[in-house]
Amino acid sequence: MDWLGAISVLLGIMLIILGVGMTFSIDIIETVVEKFLGVIAIIFGVVLLSGGYMIVKQE
């Protein structure tokens, strides 16, 4: 579960950067957000998938 927590922290940081980029319209952050939006979606999917697998595995 340690790696799952680490990925969750990373995802939280990415979402904060996404929120800052959408709120304040900083050009550099907007470029980074556009490039990493797909990566954020993939990581979020992996977190949900692995979390769901661990829940199913425990039952």
N, C-alpha and C. Protein backbone atom coordinates (compact mmCIF):
# COMPACT_ATOMS: atom_id res chain seq x y z
N MET A 1 0.83 -1.21 0.00
CA MET A 1 0.00 0.00 0.00
C MET A 1 0.86 1.26 0.00
N ASP A 2 2.15 1.14 0.29
CA ASP A 2 3.00 2.33 0.33
C ASP A 2 3.11 3.00 -1.03
N TRP A 3 3.26 2.18 -2.09
CA TRP A 3 3.36 2.77 -3.43
C TRP A 3 2.04 3.41 -3.84
N LEU A 4 0.93 2.85 -3.36
CA LEU A 4 -0.38 3.44 -3.67
C LEU A 4 -0.51 4.81 -3.03
N GLY A 5 -0.02 4.94 -1.79
CA GLY A 5 -0.03 6.24 -1.13
C GLY A 5 0.86 7.24 -1.85
N ALA A 6 2.02 6.78 -2.33
CA ALA A 6 2.93 7.67 -3.05
C ALA A 6 2.31 8.16 -4.35
N ILE A 7 1.64 7.26 -5.06
CA ILE A 7 0.97 7.66 -6.30
C ILE A 7 -0.17 8.64 -5.99
N SER A 8 -0.87 8.43 -4.88
CA SER A 8 -1.95 9.34 -4.50
C SER A 8 -1.41 10.74 -4.20
N VAL A 9 -0.26 10.81 -3.52
CA VAL A 9 0.35 12.12 -3.25
C VAL A 9 0.75 12.79 -4.55
N LEU A 10 1.36 12.02 -5.46
CA LEU A 10 1.76 12.56 -6.76
C LEU A 10 0.54 13.06 -7.54
N LEU A 11 -0.53 12.29 -7.51
CA LEU A 11 -1.77 12.69 -8.18
C LEU A 11 -2.33 13.96 -7.57
N GLY A 12 -2.28 14.08 -6.25
CA GLY A 12 -2.75 15.30 -5.59
C GLY A 12 -1.96 16.51 -6.03
N ILE A 13 -0.63 16.37 -6.11
CA ILE A 13 0.21 17.48 -6.57
C ILE A 13 -0.14 17.86 -8.00
N MET A 14 -0.34 16.87 -8.86
CA MET A 14 -0.69 17.15 -10.25
C MET A 14 -2.03 17.86 -10.34
N LEU A 15 -3.00 17.45 -9.51
CA LEU A 15 -4.30 18.10 -9.54
C LEU A 15 -4.22 19.54 -9.03
N ILE A 16 -3.35 19.80 -8.04
CA ILE A 16 -3.16 21.17 -7.57
C ILE A 16 -2.57 22.02 -8.69
N ILE A 17 -1.56 21.48 -9.41
CA ILE A 17 -0.98 22.21 -10.54
C ILE A 17 -2.04 22.46 -11.60
N LEU A 18 -2.88 21.47 -11.86
CA LEU A 18 -3.97 21.62 -12.82
C LEU A 18 -4.92 22.73 -12.40
N GLY A 19 -5.28 22.76 -11.12
CA GLY A 19 -6.17 23.80 -10.61
C GLY A 19 -5.56 25.18 -10.70
N VAL A 20 -4.27 25.30 -10.36
CA VAL A 20 -3.58 26.59 -10.46
C VAL A 20 -3.53 27.05 -11.91
N GLY A 21 -3.23 26.13 -12.81
CA GLY A 21 -3.16 26.47 -14.23
C GLY A 21 -4.50 26.92 -14.78
N MET A 22 -5.59 26.31 -14.32
CA MET A 22 -6.92 26.69 -14.80
C MET A 22 -7.40 27.98 -14.15
N THR A 23 -6.96 28.25 -12.93
CA THR A 23 -7.46 29.41 -12.20
C THR A 23 -6.74 30.70 -12.59
N PHE A 24 -5.42 30.66 -12.62
CA PHE A 24 -4.64 31.89 -12.76
C PHE A 24 -4.13 32.14 -14.17
N SER A 25 -4.32 31.23 -15.11
CA SER A 25 -3.94 31.40 -16.51
C SER A 25 -2.47 31.77 -16.68
N ILE A 26 -1.59 31.02 -16.04
CA ILE A 26 -0.15 31.22 -16.21
C ILE A 26 0.27 30.38 -17.42
N ASP A 27 0.92 31.01 -18.40
CA ASP A 27 1.20 30.34 -19.67
C ASP A 27 2.05 29.08 -19.50
N ILE A 28 3.09 29.16 -18.69
CA ILE A 28 3.99 28.01 -18.53
C ILE A 28 3.23 26.85 -17.90
N ILE A 29 2.43 27.14 -16.86
CA ILE A 29 1.68 26.08 -16.18
C ILE A 29 0.61 25.52 -17.11
N GLU A 30 -0.02 26.37 -17.94
CA GLU A 30 -1.02 25.88 -18.88
C GLU A 30 -0.39 24.90 -19.87
N THR A 31 0.82 25.20 -20.34
CA THR A 31 1.51 24.29 -21.26
C THR A 31 1.79 22.95 -20.59
N VAL A 32 2.28 23.01 -19.34
CA VAL A 32 2.56 21.78 -18.60
C VAL A 32 1.29 20.98 -18.39
N VAL A 33 0.19 21.67 -18.04
CA VAL A 33 -1.09 20.99 -17.80
C VAL A 33 -1.58 20.30 -19.07
N GLU A 34 -1.45 20.99 -20.22
CA GLU A 34 -1.89 20.37 -21.47
C GLU A 34 -1.09 19.12 -21.78
N LYS A 35 0.20 19.14 -21.49
CA LYS A 35 1.04 17.97 -21.79
C LYS A 35 0.75 16.81 -20.85
N PHE A 36 0.46 17.12 -19.58
CA PHE A 36 0.35 16.07 -18.58
C PHE A 36 -1.09 15.68 -18.26
N LEU A 37 -2.07 16.25 -18.98
CA LEU A 37 -3.47 15.92 -18.70
C LEU A 37 -3.73 14.43 -18.94
N GLY A 38 -3.19 13.89 -20.02
CA GLY A 38 -3.32 12.47 -20.29
C GLY A 38 -2.63 11.62 -19.24
N VAL A 39 -1.44 12.07 -18.80
CA VAL A 39 -0.70 11.34 -17.77
C VAL A 39 -1.49 11.33 -16.47
N ILE A 40 -2.10 12.48 -16.12
CA ILE A 40 -2.93 12.56 -14.92
C ILE A 40 -4.08 11.56 -15.01
N ALA A 41 -4.72 11.48 -16.17
CA ALA A 41 -5.83 10.55 -16.34
C ALA A 41 -5.37 9.10 -16.21
N ILE A 42 -4.21 8.78 -16.78
CA ILE A 42 -3.69 7.42 -16.70
C ILE A 42 -3.35 7.05 -15.26
N ILE A 43 -2.67 7.97 -14.54
CA ILE A 43 -2.30 7.69 -13.15
C ILE A 43 -3.55 7.53 -12.29
N PHE A 44 -4.56 8.39 -12.51
CA PHE A 44 -5.80 8.29 -11.75
C PHE A 44 -6.46 6.94 -12.01
N GLY A 45 -6.47 6.49 -13.26
CA GLY A 45 -7.03 5.19 -13.59
C GLY A 45 -6.27 4.05 -12.94
N VAL A 46 -4.93 4.14 -12.91
CA VAL A 46 -4.11 3.10 -12.28
C VAL A 46 -4.37 3.05 -10.78
N VAL A 47 -4.49 4.23 -10.15
CA VAL A 47 -4.77 4.28 -8.71
C VAL A 47 -6.11 3.62 -8.40
N LEU A 48 -7.14 3.96 -9.18
CA LEU A 48 -8.46 3.36 -8.96
C LEU A 48 -8.43 1.85 -9.22
N LEU A 49 -7.76 1.46 -10.28
CA LEU A 49 -7.69 0.04 -10.62
C LEU A 49 -6.97 -0.75 -9.55
N SER A 50 -5.82 -0.26 -9.10
CA SER A 50 -5.06 -1.00 -8.09
C SER A 50 -5.77 -0.98 -6.74
N GLY A 51 -6.40 0.14 -6.40
CA GLY A 51 -7.16 0.21 -5.16
C GLY A 51 -8.33 -0.76 -5.16
N GLY A 52 -9.05 -0.81 -6.27
CA GLY A 52 -10.15 -1.75 -6.41
C GLY A 52 -9.69 -3.19 -6.36
N TYR A 53 -8.55 -3.47 -6.98
CA TYR A 53 -7.99 -4.83 -6.96
C TYR A 53 -7.63 -5.24 -5.54
N MET A 54 -7.04 -4.33 -4.78
CA MET A 54 -6.66 -4.66 -3.40
C MET A 54 -7.89 -4.91 -2.54
N ILE A 55 -8.96 -4.14 -2.77
CA ILE A 55 -10.20 -4.35 -2.01
C ILE A 55 -10.79 -5.72 -2.35
N VAL A 56 -10.83 -6.05 -3.64
CA VAL A 56 -11.38 -7.35 -4.06
C VAL A 56 -10.51 -8.49 -3.53
N LYS A 57 -9.20 -8.29 -3.53
CA LYS A 57 -8.27 -9.33 -3.07
C LYS A 57 -8.44 -9.61 -1.58
N GLN A 58 -8.76 -8.59 -0.79
CA GLN A 58 -8.91 -8.76 0.65
C GLN A 58 -10.19 -9.51 1.01
N GLU A 59 -11.22 -9.42 0.19
CA GLU A 59 -12.51 -10.04 0.52
C GLU A 59 -12.53 -11.52 0.22
